[in-house]
Amino acid sequence: LFLPPTLTPIDTPTSSHTNTPIMFTVRAKIKKPKNVEPNEYEEGVAHHLFDIQTHSTSAELRSELKPLQMIAAKEVTFHGDKKAVVIFVPMPQLKDYRRIHHLLVEDLEKKVGHHVIIVGQRRILPKETKKNMVKRQKRPHSRTLTAVHEALLEDVSYPAEIIDRRIRVRLDGSKAQRVT
């Protein structure tokens, strides 16, 4: 039994409806590779997810959230002083997260105090070159850099749909993208 130095087996918090320690049920919300430990921030977000799952007034949200997990959570800063929480979820579960997106994001924003964005964890495969040429399957389009970036943009703006994208190339070579 691994416990942080501040918790002893006597004062380990337990779930109200079962006698199992909360730490283990919260850790079930985080899906990490074998030897990788989640950081404190990820455990905090997972704890908020678990709280919503157990104490939500919406029965639909509770039942839909039970099998869902997250891979990682990061806090990002934008426009200088504003913050947002980005939650990375497994790709097979992204559709299930989108089903309860509005309710979940609303509850998480109340608990965290920042904007919450849910994105799928996608993989970018490198281009095949002469140096890394190995007999393997052709790289699918969904694993290219451009396709992953476009899908990430779709995830960030999820409830809204992207209708138009304009790329403006300035004289100095820099690009500015406008999405509506």
Protein backbone atom coordinates (compact mmCIF):
# COMPACT_ATOMS: atom_id res chain seq x y z
CA LEU A 1 0.00 0.00 0.00
CA PHE A 2 1.63 3.23 -1.17
CA LEU A 3 0.49 6.32 0.67
CA PRO A 4 1.83 9.84 0.46
CA PRO A 5 3.79 10.83 3.58
CA THR A 6 0.94 13.07 4.77
CA LEU A 7 -1.64 10.26 4.83
CA THR A 8 -1.61 7.30 7.15
CA PRO A 9 -3.84 4.24 6.72
CA ILE A 10 -6.08 5.54 9.51
CA ASP A 11 -6.91 8.92 7.96
CA THR A 12 -7.10 7.79 4.31
CA PRO A 13 -10.24 9.38 2.82
CA THR A 14 -12.87 6.85 1.83
CA SER A 15 -15.79 6.97 -0.53
CA SER A 16 -19.16 7.46 1.16
CA HIS A 17 -21.03 4.61 -0.53
CA THR A 18 -18.21 2.05 -0.29
CA ASN A 19 -15.38 1.54 2.11
CA THR A 20 -12.65 1.69 -0.57
CA PRO A 21 -10.07 4.45 -0.39
CA ILE A 22 -10.78 7.34 -2.77
CA MET A 23 -7.17 7.43 -3.92
CA PHE A 24 -7.55 4.14 -5.78
CA THR A 25 -10.86 5.02 -7.39
CA VAL A 26 -9.54 8.41 -8.50
CA ARG A 27 -6.47 6.73 -10.01
CA ALA A 28 -8.83 4.56 -12.08
CA LYS A 29 -9.85 7.73 -13.96
CA ILE A 30 -6.26 8.22 -15.20
CA LYS A 31 -4.98 5.95 -17.95
CA LYS A 32 -1.17 6.03 -18.06
CA PRO A 33 1.51 3.67 -19.41
CA LYS A 34 2.78 1.07 -16.94
CA ASN A 35 5.65 2.81 -15.16
CA VAL A 36 4.44 6.42 -15.52
CA GLU A 37 3.01 8.13 -12.47
CA PRO A 38 0.48 10.96 -12.87
CA ASN A 39 1.51 14.35 -11.54
CA GLU A 40 -0.36 16.27 -8.84
CA TYR A 41 -2.32 18.40 -11.30
CA GLU A 42 -3.58 15.36 -13.20
CA GLU A 43 -4.63 13.70 -9.95
CA GLY A 44 -6.50 16.87 -8.99
CA VAL A 45 -8.41 16.93 -12.28
CA ALA A 46 -9.13 13.20 -11.94
CA HIS A 47 -10.44 13.85 -8.44
CA HIS A 48 -12.80 16.51 -9.82
CA LEU A 49 -13.99 14.05 -12.48
CA PHE A 50 -14.58 11.42 -9.81
CA ASP A 51 -16.48 13.95 -7.65
CA ILE A 52 -18.74 14.80 -10.58
CA GLN A 53 -19.24 11.09 -11.26
CA THR A 54 -20.26 10.32 -7.68
CA HIS A 55 -22.05 13.49 -6.58
CA SER A 56 -23.67 14.81 -9.76
CA THR A 57 -27.40 15.48 -9.66
CA SER A 58 -27.73 14.32 -13.26
CA ALA A 59 -28.15 10.53 -13.44
CA GLU A 60 -27.23 10.64 -17.14
CA LEU A 61 -23.91 12.31 -16.40
CA ARG A 62 -23.09 9.82 -13.63
CA SER A 63 -23.76 6.77 -15.77
CA GLU A 64 -21.98 8.14 -18.85
CA LEU A 65 -18.90 9.28 -16.91
CA LYS A 66 -18.31 6.01 -15.08
CA PRO A 67 -16.35 4.10 -17.80
CA LEU A 68 -14.50 7.18 -19.10
CA GLN A 69 -10.84 7.89 -18.38
CA MET A 70 -8.31 10.61 -19.15
CA ILE A 71 -4.71 10.35 -20.30
CA ALA A 72 -3.30 13.69 -19.17
CA ALA A 73 -4.27 17.17 -18.02
CA LYS A 74 -2.32 20.39 -18.50
CA GLU A 75 -2.88 23.98 -17.51
CA VAL A 76 -2.12 26.42 -20.31
CA THR A 77 -1.93 30.21 -20.25
CA PHE A 78 -3.27 32.33 -23.10
CA HIS A 79 -3.66 36.07 -23.73
CA GLY A 80 -1.07 36.72 -21.04
CA ASP A 81 -3.08 36.10 -17.89
CA LYS A 82 -6.00 33.78 -18.71
CA LYS A 83 -5.75 30.07 -17.97
CA ALA A 84 -7.40 26.96 -19.32
CA VAL A 85 -7.30 23.27 -18.45
CA VAL A 86 -6.70 20.91 -21.39
CA ILE A 87 -7.79 17.33 -20.72
CA PHE A 88 -6.43 14.68 -23.09
CA VAL A 89 -8.68 11.64 -23.48
CA PRO A 90 -8.24 8.34 -25.37
CA MET A 91 -9.46 8.58 -28.96
CA PRO A 92 -11.98 5.71 -28.66
CA GLN A 93 -13.66 7.55 -25.76
CA LEU A 94 -13.77 11.00 -27.39
CA LYS A 95 -17.21 10.36 -28.87
CA ASP A 96 -18.54 9.42 -25.41
CA TYR A 97 -17.05 12.57 -23.91
CA ARG A 98 -18.72 14.66 -26.61
CA ARG A 99 -22.08 13.18 -25.70
CA ILE A 100 -21.85 14.73 -22.20
CA HIS A 101 -19.51 17.59 -23.16
CA HIS A 102 -21.78 20.48 -22.19
CA LEU A 103 -22.70 19.16 -18.75
CA LEU A 104 -19.19 17.94 -17.92
CA VAL A 105 -17.38 21.10 -19.00
CA GLU A 106 -19.86 23.27 -17.10
CA ASP A 107 -19.33 21.29 -13.87
CA LEU A 108 -15.54 21.14 -14.29
CA GLU A 109 -15.30 24.89 -14.91
CA LYS A 110 -17.14 25.49 -11.62
CA LYS A 111 -14.73 23.21 -9.74
CA VAL A 112 -11.47 24.25 -11.43
CA GLY A 113 -12.23 27.94 -11.95
CA HIS A 114 -10.76 28.05 -15.48
CA HIS A 115 -11.91 27.22 -18.99
CA VAL A 116 -11.91 23.47 -19.72
CA ILE A 117 -11.07 21.97 -23.12
CA ILE A 118 -11.37 18.26 -23.90
CA VAL A 119 -9.20 16.97 -26.74
CA GLY A 120 -8.38 13.51 -28.08
CA GLN A 121 -4.86 12.13 -27.70
CA ARG A 122 -3.72 11.71 -31.29
CA ARG A 123 -0.47 10.30 -32.67
CA ILE A 124 1.66 11.87 -35.40
CA LEU A 125 3.69 9.38 -37.40
CA PRO A 126 6.86 10.64 -39.10
CA LYS A 127 7.19 10.88 -42.86
CA GLU A 128 8.89 7.96 -44.51
CA THR A 129 12.34 9.02 -45.65
CA LYS A 130 15.38 7.16 -46.97
CA LYS A 131 16.88 7.09 -43.46
CA ASN A 132 13.90 5.52 -41.68
CA MET A 133 12.60 3.37 -44.52
CA VAL A 134 11.33 0.11 -43.08
CA LYS A 135 8.81 -2.29 -44.53
CA ARG A 136 5.64 -1.29 -42.75
CA GLN A 137 2.17 -0.20 -43.58
CA LYS A 138 1.52 3.06 -45.35
CA ARG A 139 1.02 5.99 -42.99
CA PRO A 140 -2.70 6.78 -42.72
CA HIS A 141 -3.77 10.35 -43.47
CA SER A 142 -5.22 10.71 -39.96
CA ARG A 143 -1.68 10.34 -38.51
CA THR A 144 -0.08 13.12 -40.58
CA LEU A 145 0.98 16.37 -38.92
CA THR A 146 -1.55 18.46 -40.84
CA ALA A 147 -4.47 16.11 -40.15
CA VAL A 148 -3.67 15.93 -36.43
CA HIS A 149 -3.44 19.73 -36.16
CA GLU A 150 -6.74 20.18 -37.99
CA ALA A 151 -8.44 17.62 -35.75
CA LEU A 152 -7.00 19.33 -32.67
CA LEU A 153 -8.48 22.62 -33.86
CA GLU A 154 -11.85 20.87 -34.26
CA ASP A 155 -11.58 19.51 -30.70
CA VAL A 156 -10.72 22.91 -29.22
CA SER A 157 -13.71 24.57 -30.89
CA TYR A 158 -15.96 21.52 -30.37
CA PRO A 159 -19.48 22.74 -29.70
CA ALA A 160 -19.10 25.09 -32.69
CA GLU A 161 -18.32 23.96 -36.21
CA ILE A 162 -15.50 25.32 -38.32
CA ILE A 163 -16.99 26.76 -41.49
CA ASP A 164 -14.16 28.73 -43.04
CA ARG A 165 -10.37 28.84 -42.74
CA ARG A 166 -8.24 31.54 -44.26
CA ILE A 167 -4.47 31.53 -44.22
CA ARG A 168 -2.78 34.85 -44.81
CA VAL A 169 0.89 34.78 -45.73
CA ARG A 170 2.64 38.04 -44.90
CA LEU A 171 5.57 39.51 -46.81
CA ASP A 172 8.04 38.32 -44.17
CA GLY A 173 6.86 34.71 -44.66
CA SER A 174 4.89 34.36 -41.44
CA LYS A 175 1.42 32.85 -41.63
CA ALA A 176 -1.72 33.92 -39.82
CA GLN A 177 -4.76 31.64 -39.82
CA ARG A 178 -8.30 32.91 -39.33
CA VAL A 179 -10.99 30.41 -38.47
CA THR A 180 -14.72 31.15 -38.46
